[in-house]
Amino acid sequence: MEILVDWFYQYGWKVLLILTLFAAIYWLIHHLTPPVVKSRVRSQMKGKPEVEMEKRADTLIRVIRDTSTVALGILALFVVLDQIGINITAALAGLGVVGIAVGLGAQALIRDIISGFLILLENQYSVGDVIRVGNIAGGVEEITLRRTILRDLDGARTSIPNGEIRTVSNLTQEWSRAHLNISVAYKEDVDRVMAVMRKIWEEMAQDSNWSSFIISTTPSLLRVDEFGDSGIVIKLVGETQPIRQWDVMAEFRRRVKRVFDEEGIEIPWPHTKVYFGNSPGGTMPA
């Protein structure tokens, strides 16, 4: 017991004070970071959609908190070791030699961290965005300086080292685009069909349940795109709020089916005409 008391009077109170100090710094960082980051993001992204500012702020807050927690933990450990009489100078010198050896084998890790820093600096994507990296697409669940985690429609959680991200497509930054190809039979009046499709979109844009999702009050592009095997393909393109394009496209298709049925517009399906030809000496069938 005496040994513990002596240790406390000699070292313990210093360790307790150091841990208290670092705990206070940790608390301040975790509580002051959100308002400071949000204020800074709002000033830098003035005029951008609210959802974009929120995603950017949430991403930076997570990274700052996680990084500061690791940095404070390591720094507190070194200070405590120094106070209890362990020579950290020699330890750091030894770690420096080991660090060179480890560094040669940790180039991929360093590359990941640098790439992660650039991703955050350039705001390539944020938590909540839907991105495509190579042949992997999904929602961004988490970003750190080392890796990005995606969740696809099947629920698969994929971790991608930031250093391996060469090309990334962000499908939901600032605004998104509904891109639809609607096929109709060759017998249909194309101008009439296009007018009906335009009306469906405009009615959706005025519908209180959908107007908040749609930016383009009328399609930004409506044209004949292709002569298909079974019908004429008409392309419709319109801008939506970020990540809402799939909801808008699903509702538009539902309305197109209902309205086309009411208007008698045929949606084609693959079919084949079979002709057996003439039998020798026979006549062509009627």
Protein backbone atom coordinates (compact mmCIF):
# COMPACT_ATOMS: atom_id res chain seq x y z
CA MET A 1 0.00 0.00 0.00
CA GLU A 2 2.84 2.33 0.91
CA ILE A 3 4.42 1.72 -2.48
CA LEU A 4 1.21 2.74 -4.24
CA VAL A 5 0.91 5.91 -2.13
CA ASP A 6 4.53 6.84 -2.81
CA TRP A 7 4.06 6.18 -6.52
CA PHE A 8 0.95 8.33 -6.58
CA TYR A 9 2.67 11.26 -4.85
CA GLN A 10 5.66 10.95 -7.14
CA TYR A 11 4.06 10.07 -10.49
CA GLY A 12 0.37 9.29 -10.14
CA TRP A 13 -0.93 12.83 -9.73
CA LYS A 14 1.04 13.90 -12.82
CA VAL A 15 -0.42 11.04 -14.85
CA LEU A 16 -3.91 11.87 -13.60
CA LEU A 17 -3.44 15.55 -14.48
CA ILE A 18 -2.16 14.68 -17.95
CA LEU A 19 -5.05 12.30 -18.64
CA THR A 20 -7.52 14.91 -17.38
CA LEU A 21 -5.97 17.53 -19.65
CA PHE A 22 -6.11 15.29 -22.70
CA ALA A 23 -9.68 14.25 -21.84
CA ALA A 24 -10.65 17.94 -21.73
CA ILE A 25 -9.00 18.53 -25.12
CA TYR A 26 -10.81 15.48 -26.49
CA TRP A 27 -14.14 16.81 -25.18
CA LEU A 28 -13.53 20.26 -26.64
CA ILE A 29 -12.62 18.86 -30.07
CA HIS A 30 -15.67 16.58 -30.17
CA HIS A 31 -18.07 19.34 -29.07
CA LEU A 32 -16.59 22.34 -30.88
CA THR A 33 -15.83 20.63 -34.19
CA PRO A 34 -19.48 20.35 -35.44
CA PRO A 35 -20.46 24.05 -35.14
CA VAL A 36 -17.09 25.28 -36.42
CA VAL A 37 -17.05 22.90 -39.41
CA LYS A 38 -20.70 23.58 -40.30
CA SER A 39 -20.13 27.33 -40.20
CA ARG A 40 -17.02 27.01 -42.38
CA VAL A 41 -18.74 24.71 -44.87
CA ARG A 42 -21.74 27.03 -45.18
CA SER A 43 -19.49 29.98 -45.96
CA GLN A 44 -17.48 28.00 -48.54
CA MET A 45 -20.48 26.33 -50.19
CA LYS A 46 -22.83 29.31 -50.17
CA GLY A 47 -25.53 28.84 -52.79
CA LYS A 48 -25.13 25.05 -52.91
CA PRO A 49 -28.03 22.73 -52.00
CA GLU A 50 -28.58 22.26 -48.27
CA VAL A 51 -28.16 18.50 -48.53
CA GLU A 52 -24.71 18.97 -50.10
CA MET A 53 -23.57 21.20 -47.24
CA GLU A 54 -24.83 18.69 -44.68
CA LYS A 55 -23.04 15.76 -46.35
CA ARG A 56 -19.79 17.72 -46.61
CA ALA A 57 -19.96 18.85 -42.97
CA ASP A 58 -20.82 15.38 -41.63
CA THR A 59 -17.92 13.83 -43.55
CA LEU A 60 -15.36 16.36 -42.29
CA ILE A 61 -16.64 16.11 -38.72
CA ARG A 62 -16.23 12.31 -38.73
CA VAL A 63 -12.71 12.46 -40.14
CA ILE A 64 -11.56 15.22 -37.77
CA ARG A 65 -12.95 13.39 -34.74
CA ASP A 66 -11.44 10.03 -35.68
CA THR A 67 -8.04 11.48 -36.58
CA SER A 68 -7.84 13.68 -33.48
CA THR A 69 -8.77 10.73 -31.24
CA VAL A 70 -5.87 8.65 -32.58
CA ALA A 71 -3.42 11.58 -32.45
CA LEU A 72 -4.39 12.53 -28.88
CA GLY A 73 -4.14 8.93 -27.73
CA ILE A 74 -0.60 8.53 -29.10
CA LEU A 75 0.52 11.91 -27.75
CA ALA A 76 -0.95 11.22 -24.30
CA LEU A 77 0.83 7.86 -24.19
CA PHE A 78 4.23 9.44 -24.91
CA VAL A 79 3.73 12.19 -22.32
CA VAL A 80 2.66 9.71 -19.65
CA LEU A 81 5.65 7.46 -20.38
CA ASP A 82 7.97 10.44 -20.08
CA GLN A 83 6.46 11.43 -16.73
CA ILE A 84 6.83 7.98 -15.19
CA GLY A 85 10.53 7.89 -16.03
CA ILE A 86 10.69 6.06 -19.34
CA ASN A 87 13.14 7.72 -21.73
CA ILE A 88 10.98 8.35 -24.78
CA THR A 89 13.83 10.04 -26.66
CA ALA A 90 15.64 6.74 -27.02
CA ALA A 91 12.34 5.03 -27.79
CA LEU A 92 11.56 7.57 -30.51
CA ALA A 93 15.06 7.16 -31.97
CA GLY A 94 14.53 3.43 -32.07
CA LEU A 95 11.11 3.89 -33.60
CA GLY A 96 12.70 6.14 -36.20
CA VAL A 97 15.01 3.36 -37.34
CA VAL A 98 12.17 0.87 -37.29
CA GLY A 99 10.00 3.44 -39.04
CA ILE A 100 12.34 3.57 -42.00
CA ALA A 101 12.14 -0.18 -42.40
CA VAL A 102 8.39 -0.20 -41.90
CA GLY A 103 7.99 2.76 -44.20
CA LEU A 104 9.53 0.88 -47.08
CA GLY A 105 6.85 -1.76 -46.67
CA ALA A 106 4.08 0.71 -45.87
CA GLN A 107 4.15 2.74 -49.05
CA ALA A 108 0.64 1.56 -49.92
CA LEU A 109 -0.63 2.85 -46.56
CA ILE A 110 1.04 6.23 -47.09
CA ARG A 111 -0.45 6.40 -50.59
CA ASP A 112 -3.91 5.61 -49.17
CA ILE A 113 -3.64 8.39 -46.58
CA ILE A 114 -2.46 10.98 -49.13
CA SER A 115 -5.24 9.98 -51.52
CA GLY A 116 -7.80 10.18 -48.71
CA PHE A 117 -6.59 13.65 -47.79
CA LEU A 118 -6.95 14.79 -51.42
CA ILE A 119 -10.44 13.25 -51.68
CA LEU A 120 -11.56 15.29 -48.68
CA LEU A 121 -9.72 18.43 -49.77
CA GLU A 122 -11.24 18.37 -53.26
CA ASN A 123 -14.68 17.25 -52.02
CA GLN A 124 -14.83 14.44 -54.57
CA TYR A 125 -17.58 12.73 -52.56
CA SER A 126 -19.03 12.68 -49.05
CA VAL A 127 -20.83 10.30 -46.73
CA GLY A 128 -24.33 9.79 -48.17
CA ASP A 129 -23.30 10.13 -51.83
CA VAL A 130 -23.77 7.31 -54.32
CA ILE A 131 -20.56 6.72 -56.27
CA ARG A 132 -19.12 4.29 -58.78
CA VAL A 133 -15.53 3.09 -58.44
CA GLY A 134 -14.58 0.74 -61.26
CA ASN A 135 -17.33 -1.87 -61.41
CA ILE A 136 -18.45 -1.22 -57.81
CA ALA A 137 -21.30 1.19 -57.12
CA GLY A 138 -22.98 2.00 -53.84
CA GLY A 139 -23.71 4.54 -51.15
CA VAL A 140 -20.78 5.97 -49.21
CA GLU A 141 -21.16 4.80 -45.61
CA GLU A 142 -17.83 5.93 -44.22
CA ILE A 143 -14.69 7.79 -45.25
CA THR A 144 -11.37 7.84 -43.43
CA LEU A 145 -7.95 8.94 -44.58
CA ARG A 146 -7.16 5.29 -45.37
CA ARG A 147 -10.26 3.82 -47.00
CA THR A 148 -13.80 4.37 -48.29
CA ILE A 149 -16.66 2.02 -47.43
CA LEU A 150 -19.54 1.49 -49.89
CA ARG A 151 -22.86 -0.31 -49.42
CA ASP A 152 -24.50 -1.57 -52.62
CA LEU A 153 -28.16 -2.42 -53.32
CA ASP A 154 -27.60 -6.03 -52.25
CA GLY A 155 -26.40 -4.82 -48.87
CA ALA A 156 -22.79 -5.83 -49.52
CA ARG A 157 -20.32 -3.64 -47.63
CA THR A 158 -17.18 -3.01 -49.67
CA SER A 159 -14.01 -1.42 -48.29
CA ILE A 160 -11.82 0.29 -50.91
CA PRO A 161 -8.33 1.65 -50.05
CA ASN A 162 -8.23 5.29 -51.12
CA GLY A 163 -4.94 4.74 -52.94
CA GLU A 164 -6.65 2.32 -55.34
CA ILE A 165 -9.32 4.85 -56.37
CA ARG A 166 -8.18 6.14 -59.75
CA THR A 167 -11.48 7.21 -61.28
CA VAL A 168 -14.67 7.84 -59.32
CA SER A 169 -18.13 8.82 -60.62
CA ASN A 170 -20.33 10.71 -58.17
CA LEU A 171 -23.98 10.14 -59.10
CA THR A 172 -25.50 12.41 -56.45
CA GLN A 173 -23.38 15.54 -56.03
CA GLU A 174 -25.23 18.89 -56.18
CA TRP A 175 -27.92 17.49 -58.53
CA SER A 176 -28.83 14.25 -60.26
CA ARG A 177 -30.38 13.31 -63.59
CA ALA A 178 -33.31 11.09 -64.44
CA HIS A 179 -32.47 9.34 -67.72
CA LEU A 180 -35.24 7.26 -69.30
CA ASN A 181 -35.63 5.39 -72.59
CA ILE A 182 -39.29 4.67 -73.36
CA SER A 183 -40.12 2.39 -76.31
CA VAL A 184 -43.37 2.68 -78.32
CA ALA A 185 -44.70 0.79 -81.33
CA TYR A 186 -43.77 1.93 -84.84
CA LYS A 187 -47.41 2.64 -85.64
CA GLU A 188 -47.65 5.38 -83.00
CA ASP A 189 -47.56 9.11 -83.75
CA VAL A 190 -44.15 10.10 -82.31
CA ASP A 191 -45.07 13.77 -81.79
CA ARG A 192 -48.20 12.76 -79.87
CA VAL A 193 -46.24 10.29 -77.71
CA MET A 194 -43.59 12.92 -76.92
CA ALA A 195 -46.30 15.43 -75.97
CA VAL A 196 -47.87 12.88 -73.62
CA MET A 197 -44.51 12.11 -72.00
CA ARG A 198 -43.78 15.82 -71.55
CA LYS A 199 -47.18 16.32 -69.93
CA ILE A 200 -46.59 13.42 -67.52
CA TRP A 201 -43.28 14.93 -66.40
CA GLU A 202 -44.76 18.42 -66.00
CA GLU A 203 -47.65 17.05 -63.95
CA MET A 204 -45.16 15.29 -61.67
CA ALA A 205 -43.20 18.53 -61.28
CA GLN A 206 -46.41 20.24 -60.11
CA ASP A 207 -47.50 17.40 -57.84
CA SER A 208 -46.93 18.35 -54.19
CA ASN A 209 -45.66 14.85 -53.46
CA TRP A 210 -42.95 15.05 -56.14
CA SER A 211 -42.23 18.72 -56.82
CA SER A 212 -39.58 18.87 -54.08
CA PHE A 213 -37.64 16.09 -55.83
CA ILE A 214 -37.68 17.58 -59.33
CA ILE A 215 -35.55 20.51 -60.50
CA SER A 216 -36.54 20.59 -64.20
CA THR A 217 -40.19 21.60 -64.47
CA THR A 218 -40.12 20.34 -68.06
CA PRO A 219 -37.78 17.69 -69.52
CA SER A 220 -34.41 19.14 -70.46
CA LEU A 221 -34.15 16.64 -73.33
CA LEU A 222 -36.91 14.77 -75.18
CA ARG A 223 -36.09 13.17 -78.51
CA VAL A 224 -36.30 10.08 -80.71
CA ASP A 225 -33.17 8.21 -79.73
CA GLU A 226 -33.26 4.92 -81.64
CA PHE A 227 -35.15 2.73 -84.08
CA GLY A 228 -35.18 -0.50 -82.10
CA ASP A 229 -35.98 -4.04 -83.18
CA SER A 230 -39.52 -3.85 -81.78
CA GLY A 231 -40.24 -0.16 -81.47
CA ILE A 232 -39.10 3.45 -81.48
CA VAL A 233 -37.06 4.48 -78.43
CA ILE A 234 -37.80 7.95 -77.06
CA LYS A 235 -35.30 9.45 -74.62
CA LEU A 236 -36.36 11.72 -71.76
CA VAL A 237 -33.88 13.48 -69.47
CA GLY A 238 -34.58 15.79 -66.54
CA GLU A 239 -32.70 17.09 -63.51
CA THR A 240 -33.68 16.05 -59.97
CA GLN A 241 -32.48 16.67 -56.45
CA PRO A 242 -29.41 14.60 -55.46
CA ILE A 243 -30.10 10.87 -55.01
CA ARG A 244 -33.78 11.29 -55.98
CA GLN A 245 -33.43 10.31 -59.64
CA TRP A 246 -34.30 6.64 -59.01
CA ASP A 247 -37.49 7.53 -57.13
CA VAL A 248 -38.52 9.96 -59.87
CA MET A 249 -37.79 7.46 -62.67
CA ALA A 250 -39.78 4.72 -60.93
CA GLU A 251 -42.81 6.99 -60.49
CA PHE A 252 -42.52 8.29 -64.06
CA ARG A 253 -42.54 4.74 -65.47
CA ARG A 254 -45.59 3.90 -63.35
CA ARG A 255 -47.46 6.93 -64.70
CA VAL A 256 -46.34 6.25 -68.28
CA LYS A 257 -47.82 2.75 -68.15
CA ARG A 258 -51.14 4.04 -66.81
CA VAL A 259 -51.41 6.99 -69.22
CA PHE A 260 -50.30 4.97 -72.26
CA ASP A 261 -53.01 2.42 -71.50
CA GLU A 262 -55.59 5.22 -71.24
CA GLU A 263 -54.40 6.85 -74.49
CA GLY A 264 -54.14 3.58 -76.38
CA ILE A 265 -50.40 3.96 -76.95
CA GLU A 266 -48.77 0.59 -77.47
CA ILE A 267 -45.64 -0.35 -75.54
CA PRO A 268 -43.99 -2.99 -77.77
CA TRP A 269 -42.55 -6.32 -76.76
CA PRO A 270 -40.18 -8.56 -78.72
CA HIS A 271 -42.09 -10.62 -81.29
CA THR A 272 -41.24 -12.45 -84.51
CA LYS A 273 -43.21 -13.06 -87.71
CA VAL A 274 -42.62 -16.55 -89.15
CA TYR A 275 -42.97 -17.15 -92.89
CA PHE A 276 -42.64 -20.71 -94.16
CA GLY A 277 -42.32 -19.80 -97.86
CA ASN A 278 -43.92 -21.60 -100.83
CA SER A 279 -44.08 -25.33 -101.25
CA PRO A 280 -42.79 -26.60 -104.65
CA GLY A 281 -45.41 -25.92 -107.25
CA GLY A 282 -47.66 -24.35 -104.68
CA THR A 283 -49.00 -20.84 -104.25
CA MET A 284 -48.19 -18.22 -101.61
CA PRO A 285 -50.58 -18.53 -98.64
CA ALA A 286 -52.99 -15.69 -98.09
